[in-house]
């Protein structure tokens, strides 16, 4: 069966899912999006994702032509239409069709697009054995130019760093900010463990405030693992005892090397593994409670 894509409340076959070539989402990356995971037919942290979507849209003066409640129902309907229980959902809101100029006030009809599909971001062995990272020379966008907390359709900054990682044989790359401090990876937030403490860069380091990142911070506190948001440099990652990444698609995934140098003993550490298990329990618990 062909996948069905929801465009403005209408389900259409994937091959027929189109937007105007004059849409400013295509022409200028003018729009916002969210990526979410579904487990057993329930979207993890759906409300938090919708809140962040609305915050991103408000930050760029884009009015979403629906309500959170209506969009939440449309997400579930799209999953059901595609018979997806465990999958990935991409919500996209574009500025809409306009002119060949930048003026967003000349755009009309913002497009609300929901794509539900399967996803396998990383092979299972990466969760078992850990990832290698390289430090990208492409720095994170300056937060004074464009807030990294806006999850916009313009991901060229991340893509250029991703290319550096792929050319080095790595599936992810570490991005530093304009001060040379650790920000995040191209698609995931980063954590390290040092002397039993869980550390992650603060929001003002120039990062996207990840939904999974926040969930893991809450899990660490519940597990009585000391956690702090602190400014970090590449040195801190290299000398860390453990390292892992978080993201909606990646979930919690260990990192064992940076720029060819082992982190800790070069294997996923005990706190990383503990939080991976806790995260999976959290997902199951949230799914069960919503299905009950």
C-alpha atoms as a PDB file:
ATOM      1  CA  UNK A   1       0.000   0.000   0.000  1.00  0.00           C
ATOM      2  CA  UNK A   2       1.282   3.457  -0.901  1.00  0.00           C
ATOM      3  CA  UNK A   3       2.080   5.750   1.991  1.00  0.00           C
ATOM      4  CA  UNK A   4      -0.488   8.487   2.591  1.00  0.00           C
ATOM      5  CA  UNK A   5       0.694  12.036   3.295  1.00  0.00           C
ATOM      6  CA  UNK A   6      -1.552  14.507   5.069  1.00  0.00           C
ATOM      7  CA  UNK A   7      -1.551  17.924   3.382  1.00  0.00           C
ATOM      8  CA  UNK A   8      -3.848  20.515   4.891  1.00  0.00           C
ATOM      9  CA  UNK A   9      -6.096  17.835   6.368  1.00  0.00           C
ATOM     10  CA  UNK A  10      -6.341  15.770   3.203  1.00  0.00           C
ATOM     11  CA  UNK A  11      -4.672  12.378   2.857  1.00  0.00           C
ATOM     12  CA  UNK A  12      -3.088  11.816  -0.553  1.00  0.00           C
ATOM     13  CA  UNK A  13      -0.766   9.091  -1.910  1.00  0.00           C
ATOM     14  CA  UNK A  14       2.920   9.865  -1.419  1.00  0.00           C
ATOM     15  CA  UNK A  15       3.485  10.241  -5.186  1.00  0.00           C
ATOM     16  CA  UNK A  16       0.761  12.900  -5.348  1.00  0.00           C
ATOM     17  CA  UNK A  17       1.860  14.887  -2.276  1.00  0.00           C
ATOM     18  CA  UNK A  18       2.974  18.228  -3.700  1.00  0.00           C
ATOM     19  CA  UNK A  19       3.384  21.903  -2.843  1.00  0.00           C
ATOM     20  CA  UNK A  20       3.776  24.907  -5.109  1.00  0.00           C
ATOM     21  CA  UNK A  21       7.250  25.663  -6.472  1.00  0.00           C
ATOM     22  CA  UNK A  22       6.498  29.218  -5.300  1.00  0.00           C
ATOM     23  CA  UNK A  23       6.151  28.065  -1.689  1.00  0.00           C
ATOM     24  CA  UNK A  24       8.625  29.996   0.446  1.00  0.00           C
ATOM     25  CA  UNK A  25       9.367  26.813   2.379  1.00  0.00           C
ATOM     26  CA  UNK A  26      11.010  25.550  -0.818  1.00  0.00           C
ATOM     27  CA  UNK A  27      12.376  28.848  -2.087  1.00  0.00           C
ATOM     28  CA  UNK A  28      13.858  30.143   1.166  1.00  0.00           C
ATOM     29  CA  UNK A  29      13.531  27.486   3.860  1.00  0.00           C
ATOM     30  CA  UNK A  30      10.823  29.680   5.377  1.00  0.00           C
ATOM     31  CA  UNK A  31       8.925  27.410   7.715  1.00  0.00           C
ATOM     32  CA  UNK A  32       9.218  25.197  10.771  1.00  0.00           C
ATOM     33  CA  UNK A  33       9.061  21.502  11.517  1.00  0.00           C
ATOM     34  CA  UNK A  34       9.097  18.796  14.168  1.00  0.00           C
ATOM     35  CA  UNK A  35      10.294  15.193  14.065  1.00  0.00           C
ATOM     36  CA  UNK A  36       8.582  12.733  16.419  1.00  0.00           C
ATOM     37  CA  UNK A  37       8.598   9.035  17.211  1.00  0.00           C
ATOM     38  CA  UNK A  38       5.557   6.846  17.624  1.00  0.00           C
ATOM     39  CA  UNK A  39       5.596   3.731  19.775  1.00  0.00           C
ATOM     40  CA  UNK A  40       2.720   1.255  19.796  1.00  0.00           C
ATOM     41  CA  UNK A  41       0.592   3.813  18.002  1.00  0.00           C
ATOM     42  CA  UNK A  42       1.295   6.619  20.482  1.00  0.00           C
ATOM     43  CA  UNK A  43       3.483   9.641  19.710  1.00  0.00           C
ATOM     44  CA  UNK A  44       6.105  10.180  22.402  1.00  0.00           C
ATOM     45  CA  UNK A  45       5.882  13.629  24.020  1.00  0.00           C
ATOM     46  CA  UNK A  46       3.372  14.836  21.423  1.00  0.00           C
ATOM     47  CA  UNK A  47       2.287  17.832  23.486  1.00  0.00           C
ATOM     48  CA  UNK A  48       5.885  18.966  24.010  1.00  0.00           C
ATOM     49  CA  UNK A  49       6.565  18.708  20.277  1.00  0.00           C
ATOM     50  CA  UNK A  50       3.455  20.701  19.422  1.00  0.00           C
ATOM     51  CA  UNK A  51       4.370  23.362  21.987  1.00  0.00           C
ATOM     52  CA  UNK A  52       7.831  23.698  20.419  1.00  0.00           C
ATOM     53  CA  UNK A  53       6.346  23.822  16.913  1.00  0.00           C
ATOM     54  CA  UNK A  54       4.083  26.711  17.925  1.00  0.00           C
ATOM     55  CA  UNK A  55       6.986  28.462  19.656  1.00  0.00           C
ATOM     56  CA  UNK A  56       9.155  28.153  16.535  1.00  0.00           C
ATOM     57  CA  UNK A  57       6.319  29.451  14.354  1.00  0.00           C
ATOM     58  CA  UNK A  58       5.680  32.389  16.650  1.00  0.00           C
ATOM     59  CA  UNK A  59       9.381  33.272  16.619  1.00  0.00           C
ATOM     60  CA  UNK A  60       9.294  33.672  12.814  1.00  0.00           C
ATOM     61  CA  UNK A  61       5.856  35.345  12.771  1.00  0.00           C
ATOM     62  CA  UNK A  62       4.224  32.362  11.049  1.00  0.00           C
ATOM     63  CA  UNK A  63       0.612  31.680  11.976  1.00  0.00           C
ATOM     64  CA  UNK A  64      -0.257  27.999  11.921  1.00  0.00           C
ATOM     65  CA  UNK A  65      -3.723  27.684  10.348  1.00  0.00           C
ATOM     66  CA  UNK A  66      -5.025  25.085  12.791  1.00  0.00           C
ATOM     67  CA  UNK A  67      -5.080  24.382  16.525  1.00  0.00           C
ATOM     68  CA  UNK A  68      -2.784  22.145  18.532  1.00  0.00           C
ATOM     69  CA  UNK A  69      -5.692  19.835  19.286  1.00  0.00           C
ATOM     70  CA  UNK A  70      -6.664  19.527  15.611  1.00  0.00           C
ATOM     71  CA  UNK A  71      -3.073  18.948  14.540  1.00  0.00           C
ATOM     72  CA  UNK A  72      -2.595  16.324  17.243  1.00  0.00           C
ATOM     73  CA  UNK A  73      -5.647  14.445  15.983  1.00  0.00           C
ATOM     74  CA  UNK A  74      -4.410  14.742  12.393  1.00  0.00           C
ATOM     75  CA  UNK A  75      -1.071  13.212  13.400  1.00  0.00           C
ATOM     76  CA  UNK A  76      -2.826  10.191  14.889  1.00  0.00           C
ATOM     77  CA  UNK A  77      -5.106   9.853  11.872  1.00  0.00           C
ATOM     78  CA  UNK A  78      -2.089   9.902   9.550  1.00  0.00           C
ATOM     79  CA  UNK A  79      -0.370   7.172  11.548  1.00  0.00           C
ATOM     80  CA  UNK A  80      -3.522   5.051  11.467  1.00  0.00           C
ATOM     81  CA  UNK A  81      -4.030   5.636   7.731  1.00  0.00           C
ATOM     82  CA  UNK A  82      -0.550   4.256   7.119  1.00  0.00           C
ATOM     83  CA  UNK A  83      -1.018   1.369   9.551  1.00  0.00           C
ATOM     84  CA  UNK A  84       2.045   2.520  11.495  1.00  0.00           C
ATOM     85  CA  UNK A  85       2.435   1.582  15.122  1.00  0.00           C
ATOM     86  CA  UNK A  86       6.161   2.227  15.568  1.00  0.00           C
ATOM     87  CA  UNK A  87       7.397   4.904  13.216  1.00  0.00           C
ATOM     88  CA  UNK A  88       8.508   8.465  12.629  1.00  0.00           C
ATOM     89  CA  UNK A  89       6.330  11.522  12.079  1.00  0.00           C
ATOM     90  CA  UNK A  90       7.491  14.723  10.386  1.00  0.00           C
ATOM     91  CA  UNK A  91       5.335  17.813  10.865  1.00  0.00           C
ATOM     92  CA  UNK A  92       6.081  20.620   8.413  1.00  0.00           C
ATOM     93  CA  UNK A  93       4.555  24.093   8.306  1.00  0.00           C
ATOM     94  CA  UNK A  94       5.612  26.244   5.342  1.00  0.00           C
ATOM     95  CA  UNK A  95       5.060  29.964   4.847  1.00  0.00           C
ATOM     96  CA  UNK A  96       2.966  29.171   1.785  1.00  0.00           C
ATOM     97  CA  UNK A  97       2.982  30.228  -1.852  1.00  0.00           C
ATOM     98  CA  UNK A  98       4.314  33.714  -2.567  1.00  0.00           C
ATOM     99  CA  UNK A  99       6.450  35.664  -4.993  1.00  0.00           C
ATOM    100  CA  UNK A 100      10.077  35.290  -5.999  1.00  0.00           C
ATOM    101  CA  UNK A 101      10.946  38.008  -3.498  1.00  0.00           C
ATOM    102  CA  UNK A 102      11.672  37.572   0.188  1.00  0.00           C
ATOM    103  CA  UNK A 103       8.584  39.428   1.432  1.00  0.00           C
ATOM    104  CA  UNK A 104       6.678  36.929   3.623  1.00  0.00           C
ATOM    105  CA  UNK A 105       3.621  39.181   3.768  1.00  0.00           C
ATOM    106  CA  UNK A 106       2.988  38.350   0.112  1.00  0.00           C
ATOM    107  CA  UNK A 107       2.617  34.647   0.905  1.00  0.00           C
ATOM    108  CA  UNK A 108      -0.716  32.934   1.355  1.00  0.00           C
ATOM    109  CA  UNK A 109      -2.016  29.560   2.426  1.00  0.00           C
ATOM    110  CA  UNK A 110       0.629  28.130   4.794  1.00  0.00           C
ATOM    111  CA  UNK A 111       0.952  24.416   4.130  1.00  0.00           C
ATOM    112  CA  UNK A 112       0.440  21.946   6.981  1.00  0.00           C
ATOM    113  CA  UNK A 113       2.123  18.678   6.054  1.00  0.00           C
ATOM    114  CA  UNK A 114       2.241  15.453   8.060  1.00  0.00           C
ATOM    115  CA  UNK A 115       4.487  12.613   6.895  1.00  0.00           C
ATOM    116  CA  UNK A 116       4.417   9.285   8.733  1.00  0.00           C
ATOM    117  CA  UNK A 117       6.932   6.619   7.775  1.00  0.00           C
ATOM    118  CA  UNK A 118       9.289   4.010   9.142  1.00  0.00           C
ATOM    119  CA  UNK A 119      12.735   5.054  10.297  1.00  0.00           C
ATOM    120  CA  UNK A 120      15.980   3.300  11.146  1.00  0.00           C
ATOM    121  CA  UNK A 121      18.417   6.123  11.804  1.00  0.00           C
ATOM    122  CA  UNK A 122      21.318   4.052  13.110  1.00  0.00           C
ATOM    123  CA  UNK A 123      22.131   0.325  12.852  1.00  0.00           C
ATOM    124  CA  UNK A 124      21.668  -1.713  16.020  1.00  0.00           C
ATOM    125  CA  UNK A 125      25.436  -2.231  16.419  1.00  0.00           C
ATOM    126  CA  UNK A 126      25.906   1.496  17.005  1.00  0.00           C
ATOM    127  CA  UNK A 127      23.654   1.276  20.059  1.00  0.00           C
ATOM    128  CA  UNK A 128      25.624  -1.748  21.244  1.00  0.00           C
ATOM    129  CA  UNK A 129      29.166  -0.600  20.407  1.00  0.00           C
ATOM    130  CA  UNK A 130      28.840   3.198  20.215  1.00  0.00           C
ATOM    131  CA  UNK A 131      29.429   5.922  17.636  1.00  0.00           C
ATOM    132  CA  UNK A 132      32.566   7.637  16.382  1.00  0.00           C
ATOM    133  CA  UNK A 133      32.350  11.432  16.036  1.00  0.00           C
ATOM    134  CA  UNK A 134      34.511  14.027  14.357  1.00  0.00           C
ATOM    135  CA  UNK A 135      34.581  17.717  15.207  1.00  0.00           C
ATOM    136  CA  UNK A 136      33.217  19.718  12.290  1.00  0.00           C
ATOM    137  CA  UNK A 137      34.952  22.876  11.136  1.00  0.00           C
ATOM    138  CA  UNK A 138      31.487  24.254  10.347  1.00  0.00           C
ATOM    139  CA  UNK A 139      30.405  26.071  13.501  1.00  0.00           C
ATOM    140  CA  UNK A 140      26.877  26.325  14.783  1.00  0.00           C
ATOM    141  CA  UNK A 141      24.939  29.336  13.532  1.00  0.00           C
ATOM    142  CA  UNK A 142      25.554  32.396  15.692  1.00  0.00           C
ATOM    143  CA  UNK A 143      22.558  32.669  18.061  1.00  0.00           C
ATOM    144  CA  UNK A 144      22.538  36.429  17.500  1.00  0.00           C
ATOM    145  CA  UNK A 145      21.858  35.855  13.808  1.00  0.00           C
ATOM    146  CA  UNK A 146      19.231  33.120  14.074  1.00  0.00           C
ATOM    147  CA  UNK A 147      18.112  31.473  17.290  1.00  0.00           C
ATOM    148  CA  UNK A 148      18.980  27.752  17.242  1.00  0.00           C
ATOM    149  CA  UNK A 149      15.862  27.190  19.326  1.00  0.00           C
ATOM    150  CA  UNK A 150      13.817  27.801  16.166  1.00  0.00           C
ATOM    151  CA  UNK A 151      13.450  24.454  14.411  1.00  0.00           C
ATOM    152  CA  UNK A 152      13.292  25.955  10.950  1.00  0.00           C
ATOM    153  CA  UNK A 153      13.275  24.380   7.502  1.00  0.00           C
ATOM    154  CA  UNK A 154      16.706  25.880   6.797  1.00  0.00           C
ATOM    155  CA  UNK A 155      19.114  23.172   7.979  1.00  0.00           C
ATOM    156  CA  UNK A 156      22.039  24.020   5.710  1.00  0.00           C
ATOM    157  CA  UNK A 157      24.283  24.742   8.709  1.00  0.00           C
ATOM    158  CA  UNK A 158      23.689  21.227  10.033  1.00  0.00           C
ATOM    159  CA  UNK A 159      23.959  19.674   6.570  1.00  0.00           C
ATOM    160  CA  UNK A 160      27.403  21.156   5.925  1.00  0.00           C
ATOM    161  CA  UNK A 161      28.647  19.735   9.232  1.00  0.00           C
ATOM    162  CA  UNK A 162      26.961  16.408   8.450  1.00  0.00           C
ATOM    163  CA  UNK A 163      28.886  16.242   5.159  1.00  0.00           C
ATOM    164  CA  UNK A 164      32.133  16.694   7.069  1.00  0.00           C
ATOM    165  CA  UNK A 165      31.235  13.773   9.301  1.00  0.00           C
ATOM    166  CA  UNK A 166      30.270  11.512   6.419  1.00  0.00           C
ATOM    167  CA  UNK A 167      33.482  12.316   4.532  1.00  0.00           C
ATOM    168  CA  UNK A 168      35.401  11.298   7.635  1.00  0.00           C
ATOM    169  CA  UNK A 169      33.516   8.009   7.823  1.00  0.00           C
ATOM    170  CA  UNK A 170      31.284   9.081  10.726  1.00  0.00           C
ATOM    171  CA  UNK A 171      27.498   9.296  10.769  1.00  0.00           C
ATOM    172  CA  UNK A 172      27.513  12.249  13.160  1.00  0.00           C
ATOM    173  CA  UNK A 173      29.706  15.291  13.767  1.00  0.00           C
ATOM    174  CA  UNK A 174      30.236  17.501  16.792  1.00  0.00           C
ATOM    175  CA  UNK A 175      29.517  21.187  16.240  1.00  0.00           C
ATOM    176  CA  UNK A 176      31.139  23.978  18.236  1.00  0.00           C
ATOM    177  CA  UNK A 177      29.655  27.435  18.663  1.00  0.00           C
ATOM    178  CA  UNK A 178      31.180  30.806  17.792  1.00  0.00           C
ATOM    179  CA  UNK A 179      33.122  30.776  21.075  1.00  0.00           C
ATOM    180  CA  UNK A 180      34.693  27.400  20.351  1.00  0.00           C
ATOM    181  CA  UNK A 181      32.455  25.717  22.938  1.00  0.00           C
ATOM    182  CA  UNK A 182      30.570  22.463  22.465  1.00  0.00           C
ATOM    183  CA  UNK A 183      27.065  23.099  21.120  1.00  0.00           C
ATOM    184  CA  UNK A 184      25.483  19.918  19.750  1.00  0.00           C
ATOM    185  CA  UNK A 185      25.783  17.437  16.924  1.00  0.00           C
ATOM    186  CA  UNK A 186      24.205  17.852  13.505  1.00  0.00           C
ATOM    187  CA  UNK A 187      20.930  16.243  14.541  1.00  0.00           C
ATOM    188  CA  UNK A 188      21.309  15.362  18.212  1.00  0.00           C
ATOM    189  CA  UNK A 189      22.090  16.881  21.595  1.00  0.00           C
ATOM    190  CA  UNK A 190      25.208  15.738  23.450  1.00  0.00           C
ATOM    191  CA  UNK A 191      25.844  14.612  27.034  1.00  0.00           C
ATOM    192  CA  UNK A 192      29.010  13.545  28.820  1.00  0.00           C
ATOM    193  CA  UNK A 193      29.603  11.776  32.121  1.00  0.00           C
ATOM    194  CA  UNK A 194      32.476  13.020  34.278  1.00  0.00           C
ATOM    195  CA  UNK A 195      33.161  11.653  37.771  1.00  0.00           C
ATOM    196  CA  UNK A 196      29.607  10.382  38.097  1.00  0.00           C
ATOM    197  CA  UNK A 197      27.981  13.664  36.997  1.00  0.00           C
ATOM    198  CA  UNK A 198      25.905  14.017  33.839  1.00  0.00           C
ATOM    199  CA  UNK A 199      26.764  17.200  31.939  1.00  0.00           C
ATOM    200  CA  UNK A 200      25.247  18.811  28.852  1.00  0.00           C
ATOM    201  CA  UNK A 201      25.655  22.219  27.188  1.00  0.00           C
ATOM    202  CA  UNK A 202      23.171  24.896  28.270  1.00  0.00           C
ATOM    203  CA  UNK A 203      20.582  26.323  25.897  1.00  0.00           C
ATOM    204  CA  UNK A 204      22.615  29.531  25.530  1.00  0.00           C
ATOM    205  CA  UNK A 205      25.500  27.536  24.026  1.00  0.00           C
ATOM    206  CA  UNK A 206      23.559  27.739  20.764  1.00  0.00           C
ATOM    207  CA  UNK A 207      21.594  24.500  20.786  1.00  0.00           C
ATOM    208  CA  UNK A 208      18.126  23.279  19.973  1.00  0.00           C
ATOM    209  CA  UNK A 209      16.373  22.534  23.256  1.00  0.00           C
ATOM    210  CA  UNK A 210      15.700  18.892  22.474  1.00  0.00           C
ATOM    211  CA  UNK A 211      12.573  17.095  23.658  1.00  0.00           C
ATOM    212  CA  UNK A 212      14.550  13.895  24.280  1.00  0.00           C
ATOM    213  CA  UNK A 213      17.315  15.947  25.911  1.00  0.00           C
ATOM    214  CA  UNK A 214      14.841  17.329  28.433  1.00  0.00           C
ATOM    215  CA  UNK A 215      13.357  13.864  29.016  1.00  0.00           C
ATOM    216  CA  UNK A 216      16.812  12.429  29.742  1.00  0.00           C
ATOM    217  CA  UNK A 217      17.610  15.253  32.179  1.00  0.00           C
ATOM    218  CA  UNK A 218      14.388  14.426  34.037  1.00  0.00           C
ATOM    219  CA  UNK A 219      15.234  10.712  33.963  1.00  0.00           C
ATOM    220  CA  UNK A 220      18.707  11.340  35.382  1.00  0.00           C
ATOM    221  CA  UNK A 221      17.215  13.342  38.246  1.00  0.00           C
ATOM    222  CA  UNK A 222      14.726  10.532  38.919  1.00  0.00           C
ATOM    223  CA  UNK A 223      17.611   8.025  38.899  1.00  0.00           C
ATOM    224  CA  UNK A 224      19.540  10.196  41.409  1.00  0.00           C
ATOM    225  CA  UNK A 225      22.268  10.905  38.877  1.00  0.00           C
ATOM    226  CA  UNK A 226      23.655  14.430  39.418  1.00  0.00           C
ATOM    227  CA  UNK A 227      23.010  16.481  36.275  1.00  0.00           C
ATOM    228  CA  UNK A 228      24.064  19.984  35.270  1.00  0.00           C
ATOM    229  CA  UNK A 229      23.974  22.229  32.208  1.00  0.00           C
ATOM    230  CA  UNK A 230      27.504  23.570  31.855  1.00  0.00           C
ATOM    231  CA  UNK A 231      29.697  25.219  29.236  1.00  0.00           C
ATOM    232  CA  UNK A 232      31.987  22.593  27.683  1.00  0.00           C
ATOM    233  CA  UNK A 233      34.893  22.500  25.259  1.00  0.00           C
ATOM    234  CA  UNK A 234      36.151  19.711  23.024  1.00  0.00           C
ATOM    235  CA  UNK A 235      38.668  18.930  25.792  1.00  0.00           C
ATOM    236  CA  UNK A 236      35.810  18.040  28.152  1.00  0.00           C
ATOM    237  CA  UNK A 237      34.414  15.516  25.690  1.00  0.00           C
ATOM    238  CA  UNK A 238      37.794  13.887  25.074  1.00  0.00           C
ATOM    239  CA  UNK A 239      38.554  13.447  28.784  1.00  0.00           C
ATOM    240  CA  UNK A 240      35.002  12.393  29.699  1.00  0.00           C
ATOM    241  CA  UNK A 241      34.305   9.002  31.222  1.00  0.00           C
ATOM    242  CA  UNK A 242      31.283   8.508  28.961  1.00  0.00           C
ATOM    243  CA  UNK A 243      29.430  10.288  26.186  1.00  0.00           C
ATOM    244  CA  UNK A 244      26.080   9.849  24.480  1.00  0.00           C
ATOM    245  CA  UNK A 245      23.688  11.664  22.148  1.00  0.00           C
ATOM    246  CA  UNK A 246      19.933  12.172  22.360  1.00  0.00           C
ATOM    247  CA  UNK A 247      17.295  12.912  19.741  1.00  0.00           C
ATOM    248  CA  UNK A 248      13.743  12.015  18.814  1.00  0.00           C
ATOM    249  CA  UNK A 249      14.904   9.675  16.052  1.00  0.00           C
ATOM    250  CA  UNK A 250      18.174   8.520  17.671  1.00  0.00           C
ATOM    251  CA  UNK A 251      16.697   8.152  21.176  1.00  0.00           C
ATOM    252  CA  UNK A 252      19.774   7.621  23.432  1.00  0.00           C
ATOM    253  CA  UNK A 253      22.922   6.418  21.658  1.00  0.00           C
ATOM    254  CA  UNK A 254      26.459   6.025  23.076  1.00  0.00           C
ATOM    255  CA  UNK A 255      29.560   7.739  21.688  1.00  0.00           C
ATOM    256  CA  UNK A 256      32.922   6.028  22.166  1.00  0.00           C
ATOM    257  CA  UNK A 257      35.390   8.099  20.091  1.00  0.00           C
ATOM    258  CA  UNK A 258      35.908  11.718  19.091  1.00  0.00           C
ATOM    259  CA  UNK A 259      38.374  12.568  16.329  1.00  0.00           C
ATOM    260  CA  UNK A 260      39.883   9.088  16.563  1.00  0.00           C
ATOM    261  CA  UNK A 261      40.456   9.297  20.328  1.00  0.00           C
ATOM    262  CA  UNK A 262      38.689   6.939  22.716  1.00  0.00           C
ATOM    263  CA  UNK A 263      36.295   8.356  25.277  1.00  0.00           C
ATOM    264  CA  UNK A 264      36.686   6.525  28.572  1.00  0.00           C
ATOM    265  CA  UNK A 265      37.535   2.905  27.846  1.00  0.00           C
ATOM    266  CA  UNK A 266      36.161   3.151  24.303  1.00  0.00           C
ATOM    267  CA  UNK A 267      32.941   1.311  25.191  1.00  0.00           C
ATOM    268  CA  UNK A 268      29.434   2.463  26.170  1.00  0.00           C
ATOM    269  CA  UNK A 269      29.564   3.320  29.872  1.00  0.00           C
ATOM    270  CA  UNK A 270      27.346   2.181  32.758  1.00  0.00           C
ATOM    271  CA  UNK A 271      25.481   5.476  33.223  1.00  0.00           C
ATOM    272  CA  UNK A 272      24.819   5.664  29.465  1.00  0.00           C
ATOM    273  CA  UNK A 273      23.426   2.146  29.477  1.00  0.00           C
ATOM    274  CA  UNK A 274      21.395   2.874  32.594  1.00  0.00           C
ATOM    275  CA  UNK A 275      19.804   5.917  30.953  1.00  0.00           C
ATOM    276  CA  UNK A 276      19.181   4.025  27.711  1.00  0.00           C
ATOM    277  CA  UNK A 277      17.192   1.437  29.684  1.00  0.00           C
ATOM    278  CA  UNK A 278      15.415   4.134  31.696  1.00  0.00           C
ATOM    279  CA  UNK A 279      14.435   5.919  28.495  1.00  0.00           C
ATOM    280  CA  UNK A 280      12.946   2.742  27.028  1.00  0.00           C
ATOM    281  CA  UNK A 281      10.999   2.202  30.269  1.00  0.00           C
ATOM    282  CA  UNK A 282       9.743   5.786  30.056  1.00  0.00           C
ATOM    283  CA  UNK A 283       8.566   5.241  26.481  1.00  0.00           C
ATOM    284  CA  UNK A 284       6.753   2.030  27.434  1.00  0.00           C
ATOM    285  CA  UNK A 285       5.192   3.694  30.475  1.00  0.00           C
ATOM    286  CA  UNK A 286       3.935   6.696  28.506  1.00  0.00           C
ATOM    287  CA  UNK A 287       2.597   4.460  25.752  1.00  0.00           C
ATOM    288  CA  UNK A 288       0.823   2.153  28.209  1.00  0.00           C
ATOM    289  CA  UNK A 289      -0.758   5.026  30.141  1.00  0.00           C
ATOM    290  CA  UNK A 290      -2.161   6.616  26.966  1.00  0.00           C
ATOM    291  CA  UNK A 291      -3.515   3.312  25.679  1.00  0.00           C
ATOM    292  CA  UNK A 292      -5.169   2.500  29.012  1.00  0.00           C
END
